[in-house]
């Protein structure tokens, strides 16, 4: 039987009736924009993240841009971002008027470090975006100790912790995506900004609604970026299952370890103190693309991520030219994501490892 990279369907089966009921309730109420479901989800998600407030927005990219604007990032500023990440991490910076400055990552964890950030800091550095890549958690406290605000891009890390603190609670603000394949995924686009700073919360809430606090006076050039009621209602049904799903992802990672994955390739290592949520389970191998093809032929979906790092993307030439990021280059070439989900069983993990072993043995 084929083993998909993501199994987003099976974990939802027990919740289908509750989801249908939640959607029906919203349709019956007829309130679709910034209604009670959004307000209640914001309170519940903030509590789950260990923060005082959550602001629901249209998607994770808007969440990151609004978080940056919420902490005061603007024209003339520099924002340090990793290049080994999804494009949206850097894409969110130029609309603020600031420019992205690319830093390297630790290829063993996939995350930025205090050292890689410090290497590119200047007097213009206004903020650092620390990405909790693959469900790992970046060492935000060590980066904050450099004296610069950190916005935590926690899009892939719902359910993860660092030294007991939930992902999303570590920086001055954080951004989440509820894209359907995420650990906490909606049935469409959605996102949220998390913060415990009242001033940041007020600014983000204002910016998400056209820069207005009262719908009459418009103080800023804002956005029309709001989490809608139907998605919020669905997320409220799913959120209580997140701890169980996170435990399932960690069990799946343990299944791979027990099956001997480390004998064949190098798994991404947890950041010191982190308990990752394993949005993706990523291994490293010098012939990763060949292994992906062989695994696919055996019915195992596998995929390399960020083969062309962000600083080399055409739209980022202005800021990425001539940059040397050896850790990024190494991981972009060697990473390979293999199947992971809350319901991946030990037998499936063993099957994936066996197919990987055969693929490696068959390499020329």
Protein backbone atom coordinates (compact mmCIF):
# COMPACT_ATOMS: atom_id res chain seq x y z
CA UNK A 1 0.00 0.00 0.00
CA UNK A 2 1.27 3.48 -0.89
CA UNK A 3 2.48 5.62 1.99
CA UNK A 4 1.84 9.34 1.43
CA UNK A 5 4.11 12.10 2.65
CA UNK A 6 1.13 13.57 4.55
CA UNK A 7 -1.96 11.73 5.75
CA UNK A 8 -4.32 14.60 6.46
CA UNK A 9 -7.51 12.58 6.06
CA UNK A 10 -7.29 9.76 8.60
CA UNK A 11 -6.82 11.94 11.72
CA UNK A 12 -9.95 13.90 10.79
CA UNK A 13 -12.29 10.91 10.49
CA UNK A 14 -13.38 10.87 14.17
CA UNK A 15 -14.12 14.61 14.03
CA UNK A 16 -16.22 14.77 10.87
CA UNK A 17 -19.59 14.96 12.63
CA UNK A 18 -18.40 17.71 14.97
CA UNK A 19 -16.92 19.64 12.05
CA UNK A 20 -20.17 19.39 10.07
CA UNK A 21 -22.12 20.60 13.09
CA UNK A 22 -19.78 23.55 13.66
CA UNK A 23 -20.04 24.66 10.03
CA UNK A 24 -23.83 24.29 10.08
CA UNK A 25 -24.01 26.46 13.19
CA UNK A 26 -22.10 29.25 11.47
CA UNK A 27 -24.30 29.02 8.39
CA UNK A 28 -27.41 29.18 10.55
CA UNK A 29 -26.14 32.18 12.49
CA UNK A 30 -25.26 34.04 9.28
CA UNK A 31 -22.27 35.83 10.82
CA UNK A 32 -19.24 35.22 8.63
CA UNK A 33 -16.64 37.94 9.33
CA UNK A 34 -15.00 38.55 12.74
CA UNK A 35 -17.82 36.94 14.66
CA UNK A 36 -17.94 34.88 17.86
CA UNK A 37 -16.16 31.83 16.42
CA UNK A 38 -13.09 33.91 15.53
CA UNK A 39 -13.09 35.58 18.94
CA UNK A 40 -13.38 32.27 20.78
CA UNK A 41 -10.77 30.57 18.63
CA UNK A 42 -8.38 33.46 19.22
CA UNK A 43 -8.76 33.07 22.98
CA UNK A 44 -8.38 29.28 22.86
CA UNK A 45 -5.38 29.33 20.53
CA UNK A 46 -3.63 32.02 22.57
CA UNK A 47 -4.05 29.84 25.67
CA UNK A 48 -2.72 26.79 23.82
CA UNK A 49 0.34 28.81 22.77
CA UNK A 50 0.97 30.16 26.27
CA UNK A 51 0.40 33.76 25.21
CA UNK A 52 -2.14 36.41 26.09
CA UNK A 53 -3.53 37.07 22.63
CA UNK A 54 -3.99 35.65 19.16
CA UNK A 55 -5.17 37.63 16.15
CA UNK A 56 -6.73 35.60 13.36
CA UNK A 57 -5.72 36.67 9.84
CA UNK A 58 -6.21 35.39 6.31
CA UNK A 59 -3.04 33.29 5.98
CA UNK A 60 0.40 32.66 7.40
CA UNK A 61 2.17 35.07 5.07
CA UNK A 62 -0.06 37.95 6.15
CA UNK A 63 0.50 36.87 9.75
CA UNK A 64 4.26 37.28 9.38
CA UNK A 65 4.05 40.62 7.58
CA UNK A 66 1.56 42.02 10.09
CA UNK A 67 3.66 40.76 13.01
CA UNK A 68 6.68 42.59 11.60
CA UNK A 69 4.69 45.78 11.09
CA UNK A 70 3.17 45.32 14.52
CA UNK A 71 6.57 45.53 16.19
CA UNK A 72 7.48 48.63 14.21
CA UNK A 73 9.46 47.29 11.23
CA UNK A 74 9.41 49.79 8.39
CA UNK A 75 11.39 51.62 5.70
CA UNK A 76 15.13 51.80 6.30
CA UNK A 77 15.16 48.71 8.53
CA UNK A 78 16.80 45.34 7.99
CA UNK A 79 15.16 42.06 8.97
CA UNK A 80 17.36 38.99 9.28
CA UNK A 81 15.78 35.86 7.81
CA UNK A 82 17.07 32.38 7.00
CA UNK A 83 17.33 31.40 3.36
CA UNK A 84 16.55 27.73 3.99
CA UNK A 85 12.81 28.13 4.49
CA UNK A 86 9.63 28.56 2.49
CA UNK A 87 9.73 31.66 0.29
CA UNK A 88 6.98 33.42 2.29
CA UNK A 89 9.34 33.97 5.23
CA UNK A 90 11.38 36.46 3.21
CA UNK A 91 8.48 37.57 1.00
CA UNK A 92 6.80 39.12 4.04
CA UNK A 93 9.65 41.59 4.60
CA UNK A 94 9.69 43.93 1.54
CA UNK A 95 6.01 44.95 1.86
CA UNK A 96 6.90 46.47 5.25
CA UNK A 97 9.42 48.76 3.56
CA UNK A 98 12.33 46.91 5.18
CA UNK A 99 14.83 44.69 3.38
CA UNK A 100 15.61 41.02 4.06
CA UNK A 101 19.12 40.10 5.15
CA UNK A 102 19.80 36.42 4.70
CA UNK A 103 21.57 34.36 7.33
CA UNK A 104 22.74 30.76 7.43
CA UNK A 105 21.30 27.87 9.41
CA UNK A 106 22.66 24.94 11.38
CA UNK A 107 22.40 22.09 8.84
CA UNK A 108 21.99 19.58 11.66
CA UNK A 109 18.77 21.20 12.95
CA UNK A 110 17.61 23.27 9.98
CA UNK A 111 17.23 26.33 12.24
CA UNK A 112 18.99 29.67 12.61
CA UNK A 113 21.32 30.07 15.56
CA UNK A 114 22.60 33.01 17.58
CA UNK A 115 25.91 32.71 15.73
CA UNK A 116 24.39 32.72 12.24
CA UNK A 117 22.26 35.72 13.15
CA UNK A 118 25.12 37.62 14.78
CA UNK A 119 27.24 37.14 11.67
CA UNK A 120 24.93 39.39 9.60
CA UNK A 121 23.69 41.89 12.20
CA UNK A 122 24.22 45.59 11.49
CA UNK A 123 23.15 48.87 13.04
CA UNK A 124 20.05 48.71 10.82
CA UNK A 125 18.86 45.33 12.12
CA UNK A 126 15.33 45.84 13.43
CA UNK A 127 14.21 42.24 13.87
CA UNK A 128 15.06 38.59 13.29
CA UNK A 129 12.62 36.06 11.89
CA UNK A 130 13.44 32.71 13.49
CA UNK A 131 11.78 29.82 11.66
CA UNK A 132 10.71 26.71 13.58
CA UNK A 133 11.61 24.59 10.59
CA UNK A 134 10.03 21.18 10.05
CA UNK A 135 8.39 21.44 13.48
CA UNK A 136 11.72 21.89 15.25
CA UNK A 137 11.98 25.01 17.45
CA UNK A 138 14.59 27.70 16.84
CA UNK A 139 16.71 28.80 19.83
CA UNK A 140 14.81 32.08 20.21
CA UNK A 141 16.03 32.99 23.73
CA UNK A 142 19.67 32.78 22.61
CA UNK A 143 18.91 35.02 19.64
CA UNK A 144 17.00 37.52 21.78
CA UNK A 145 20.07 37.72 24.01
CA UNK A 146 21.79 39.48 21.11
CA UNK A 147 19.52 42.46 21.84
CA UNK A 148 17.25 42.31 18.81
CA UNK A 149 13.50 41.51 18.74
CA UNK A 150 12.58 38.07 17.39
CA UNK A 151 9.47 37.23 15.42
CA UNK A 152 8.98 33.48 15.55
CA UNK A 153 7.76 31.92 12.30
CA UNK A 154 5.97 28.97 13.89
CA UNK A 155 3.96 27.98 10.80
CA UNK A 156 5.31 24.41 10.90
CA UNK A 157 5.53 24.00 14.65
CA UNK A 158 2.09 23.99 16.26
CA UNK A 159 2.39 21.67 19.26
CA UNK A 160 6.18 21.87 19.62
CA UNK A 161 7.96 23.16 22.72
CA UNK A 162 11.35 24.59 23.70
CA UNK A 163 12.35 24.03 27.33
CA UNK A 164 8.68 23.48 28.11
CA UNK A 165 7.47 26.68 26.42
CA UNK A 166 5.09 26.30 23.46
CA UNK A 167 6.25 27.23 19.99
CA UNK A 168 4.81 30.63 19.19
CA UNK A 169 5.33 32.00 22.69
CA UNK A 170 9.05 32.62 22.42
CA UNK A 171 9.44 35.90 20.54
CA UNK A 172 7.87 39.33 20.86
CA UNK A 173 5.38 38.03 18.30
CA UNK A 174 4.93 34.92 16.22
CA UNK A 175 3.11 33.83 13.09
CA UNK A 176 1.16 30.67 12.37
CA UNK A 177 -0.29 29.22 9.19
CA UNK A 178 -3.38 27.02 9.15
CA UNK A 179 -2.77 25.75 5.62
CA UNK A 180 -4.50 22.35 5.38
CA UNK A 181 -1.31 20.26 5.54
CA UNK A 182 -0.01 22.00 8.68
CA UNK A 183 -0.08 20.29 12.09
CA UNK A 184 -3.19 22.35 12.85
CA UNK A 185 -4.74 22.86 9.44
CA UNK A 186 -7.97 24.54 8.41
CA UNK A 187 -10.07 23.60 5.38
CA UNK A 188 -8.58 26.47 3.41
CA UNK A 189 -6.22 29.36 4.11
CA UNK A 190 -5.89 30.92 7.54
CA UNK A 191 -3.29 32.27 9.92
CA UNK A 192 -2.72 33.96 13.25
CA UNK A 193 -0.35 36.33 15.01
CA UNK A 194 0.49 35.46 18.63
CA UNK A 195 1.79 38.06 21.08
CA UNK A 196 1.73 38.96 24.75
CA UNK A 197 2.52 42.60 24.04
CA UNK A 198 -0.68 44.72 24.17
CA UNK A 199 0.76 47.38 21.86
CA UNK A 200 1.68 44.78 19.24
CA UNK A 201 -1.74 43.18 19.56
CA UNK A 202 -3.50 46.51 19.05
CA UNK A 203 -1.44 47.35 15.98
CA UNK A 204 -1.94 43.93 14.35
CA UNK A 205 -5.70 44.01 15.00
CA UNK A 206 -5.83 47.47 13.45
CA UNK A 207 -3.72 46.58 10.43
CA UNK A 208 -5.73 43.44 9.64
CA UNK A 209 -8.84 45.60 9.22
CA UNK A 210 -7.68 48.26 6.75
CA UNK A 211 -5.72 50.14 9.40
CA UNK A 212 -8.86 51.09 11.31
CA UNK A 213 -9.98 50.58 14.90
CA UNK A 214 -13.57 51.71 14.42
CA UNK A 215 -14.36 51.12 10.71
CA UNK A 216 -14.70 54.89 10.27
CA UNK A 217 -11.27 56.38 10.82
CA UNK A 218 -8.33 54.81 8.97
CA UNK A 219 -5.03 55.54 10.67
CA UNK A 220 -2.75 53.26 8.61
CA UNK A 221 -2.45 51.62 5.22
CA UNK A 222 -3.52 48.22 6.45
CA UNK A 223 -4.81 44.99 4.99
CA UNK A 224 -8.09 43.20 4.52
CA UNK A 225 -6.77 40.08 6.23
CA UNK A 226 -9.19 38.28 8.50
CA UNK A 227 -9.70 34.68 9.55
CA UNK A 228 -13.30 33.89 8.62
CA UNK A 229 -15.93 32.37 10.88
CA UNK A 230 -16.21 29.02 9.12
CA UNK A 231 -12.47 28.34 9.31
CA UNK A 232 -12.39 29.49 12.94
CA UNK A 233 -15.29 27.14 13.78
CA UNK A 234 -13.44 24.23 12.16
CA UNK A 235 -10.21 25.10 13.93
CA UNK A 236 -12.03 25.17 17.27
CA UNK A 237 -13.04 21.55 16.69
CA UNK A 238 -9.51 20.55 15.71
CA UNK A 239 -7.53 22.42 18.36
CA UNK A 240 -8.35 20.04 21.26
CA UNK A 241 -6.93 17.18 19.16
CA UNK A 242 -3.59 18.93 18.62
CA UNK A 243 -1.85 17.43 21.71
CA UNK A 244 -2.88 13.91 20.65
CA UNK A 245 -1.77 14.54 17.07
CA UNK A 246 1.55 15.95 18.27
CA UNK A 247 2.12 12.87 20.42
CA UNK A 248 1.35 10.75 17.36
CA UNK A 249 3.95 12.59 15.29
CA UNK A 250 6.53 12.06 18.01
CA UNK A 251 5.66 8.36 18.13
CA UNK A 252 6.12 8.21 14.37
CA UNK A 253 9.59 9.73 14.70
CA UNK A 254 10.39 7.17 17.40
CA UNK A 255 9.18 4.40 15.06
CA UNK A 256 11.72 5.54 12.48
CA UNK A 257 14.47 5.58 15.09
CA UNK A 258 13.55 2.08 16.26
CA UNK A 259 13.53 0.85 12.67
CA UNK A 260 17.14 1.98 12.20
CA UNK A 261 16.76 5.09 10.06
CA UNK A 262 19.99 6.53 11.46
CA UNK A 263 21.94 3.57 10.03
CA UNK A 264 21.01 4.74 6.53
CA UNK A 265 20.83 8.53 6.64
CA UNK A 266 21.18 11.41 9.10
CA UNK A 267 17.90 12.60 10.64
CA UNK A 268 17.45 16.27 11.42
CA UNK A 269 18.40 16.78 15.08
CA UNK A 270 16.21 18.50 17.62
CA UNK A 271 17.47 21.89 18.79
CA UNK A 272 18.83 21.63 22.35
CA UNK A 273 15.86 21.75 24.73
CA UNK A 274 13.29 21.34 21.94
CA UNK A 275 10.58 18.71 21.73
CA UNK A 276 9.68 19.02 18.04
CA UNK A 277 6.22 18.51 16.59
CA UNK A 278 7.67 16.98 13.39
CA UNK A 279 5.58 18.67 10.74
CA UNK A 280 8.07 16.98 8.42
CA UNK A 281 10.44 14.14 9.20
CA UNK A 282 13.61 14.99 7.31
CA UNK A 283 16.74 12.96 6.74
CA UNK A 284 19.98 13.94 5.01
CA UNK A 285 21.78 11.95 2.32
CA UNK A 286 24.22 13.00 -0.40
CA UNK A 287 22.06 11.32 -3.06
CA UNK A 288 18.71 12.47 -1.78
CA UNK A 289 17.07 13.09 -5.16
CA UNK A 290 17.94 9.61 -6.42
CA UNK A 291 16.51 8.13 -3.23
CA UNK A 292 13.31 10.12 -3.66
CA UNK A 293 12.81 8.61 -7.12
CA UNK A 294 13.48 5.08 -5.86
CA UNK A 295 11.14 5.48 -2.91
CA UNK A 296 8.43 6.85 -5.17
CA UNK A 297 8.73 3.79 -7.41
CA UNK A 298 8.21 1.66 -4.29
CA UNK A 299 5.05 3.57 -3.33
CA UNK A 300 6.63 5.78 -0.67
CA UNK A 301 6.19 9.50 -1.21
CA UNK A 302 9.35 11.48 -0.44
CA UNK A 303 10.33 15.02 -1.32
CA UNK A 304 13.30 17.34 -1.14
CA UNK A 305 12.52 20.79 0.23
CA UNK A 306 13.89 24.23 -0.69
CA UNK A 307 16.32 22.92 -3.30
CA UNK A 308 16.65 26.52 -4.52
CA UNK A 309 17.14 28.55 -1.33
CA UNK A 310 15.25 31.81 -0.96
CA UNK A 311 18.28 34.06 -1.48
CA UNK A 312 18.70 32.52 -4.95
CA UNK A 313 15.07 32.94 -5.98
CA UNK A 314 14.63 35.38 -8.89
CA UNK A 315 12.58 37.85 -6.86
CA UNK A 316 15.29 38.04 -4.18
CA UNK A 317 18.26 38.77 -6.47
CA UNK A 318 18.46 42.34 -5.20
CA UNK A 319 19.23 41.15 -1.68
CA UNK A 320 20.67 37.67 -2.22
CA UNK A 321 23.41 38.14 -4.78
CA UNK A 322 26.91 37.10 -3.76
CA UNK A 323 25.94 35.63 -0.40
CA UNK A 324 27.77 32.56 0.89
CA UNK A 325 25.63 30.33 3.13
CA UNK A 326 27.37 26.94 3.37
CA UNK A 327 24.96 25.36 5.85
CA UNK A 328 22.03 26.36 3.67
CA UNK A 329 23.72 24.97 0.57
CA UNK A 330 24.44 21.67 2.30
CA UNK A 331 20.93 21.11 3.62
CA UNK A 332 19.18 22.34 0.49
CA UNK A 333 21.06 19.68 -1.48
CA UNK A 334 20.87 16.74 0.92
CA UNK A 335 17.48 16.93 2.67
CA UNK A 336 14.72 14.44 2.03
CA UNK A 337 11.34 14.41 3.75
CA UNK A 338 9.78 10.98 4.26
CA UNK A 339 6.20 10.17 5.37
CA UNK A 340 5.04 11.53 8.72
CA UNK A 341 1.61 11.93 10.29
CA UNK A 342 -0.09 11.48 13.66
CA UNK A 343 -1.23 8.02 12.55
CA UNK A 344 1.94 6.63 10.98
CA UNK A 345 2.30 3.14 12.45
CA UNK A 346 5.44 1.25 13.40
CA UNK A 347 4.93 -1.18 10.53
CA UNK A 348 4.71 1.65 8.03
CA UNK A 349 7.88 3.24 9.38
CA UNK A 350 9.66 -0.09 9.14
CA UNK A 351 8.44 -0.46 5.56
CA UNK A 352 9.74 3.01 4.64
CA UNK A 353 13.11 2.20 6.20
CA UNK A 354 13.31 -1.11 4.36
CA UNK A 355 12.55 0.57 1.03
CA UNK A 356 15.17 3.21 1.85
CA UNK A 357 17.70 0.50 2.64
CA UNK A 358 17.01 -1.21 -0.67
CA UNK A 359 17.26 2.10 -2.53
CA UNK A 360 20.64 2.89 -0.97
CA UNK A 361 21.93 -0.60 -1.72
CA UNK A 362 20.91 -0.17 -5.35
CA UNK A 363 22.73 3.13 -5.83
CA UNK A 364 25.51 2.92 -8.42
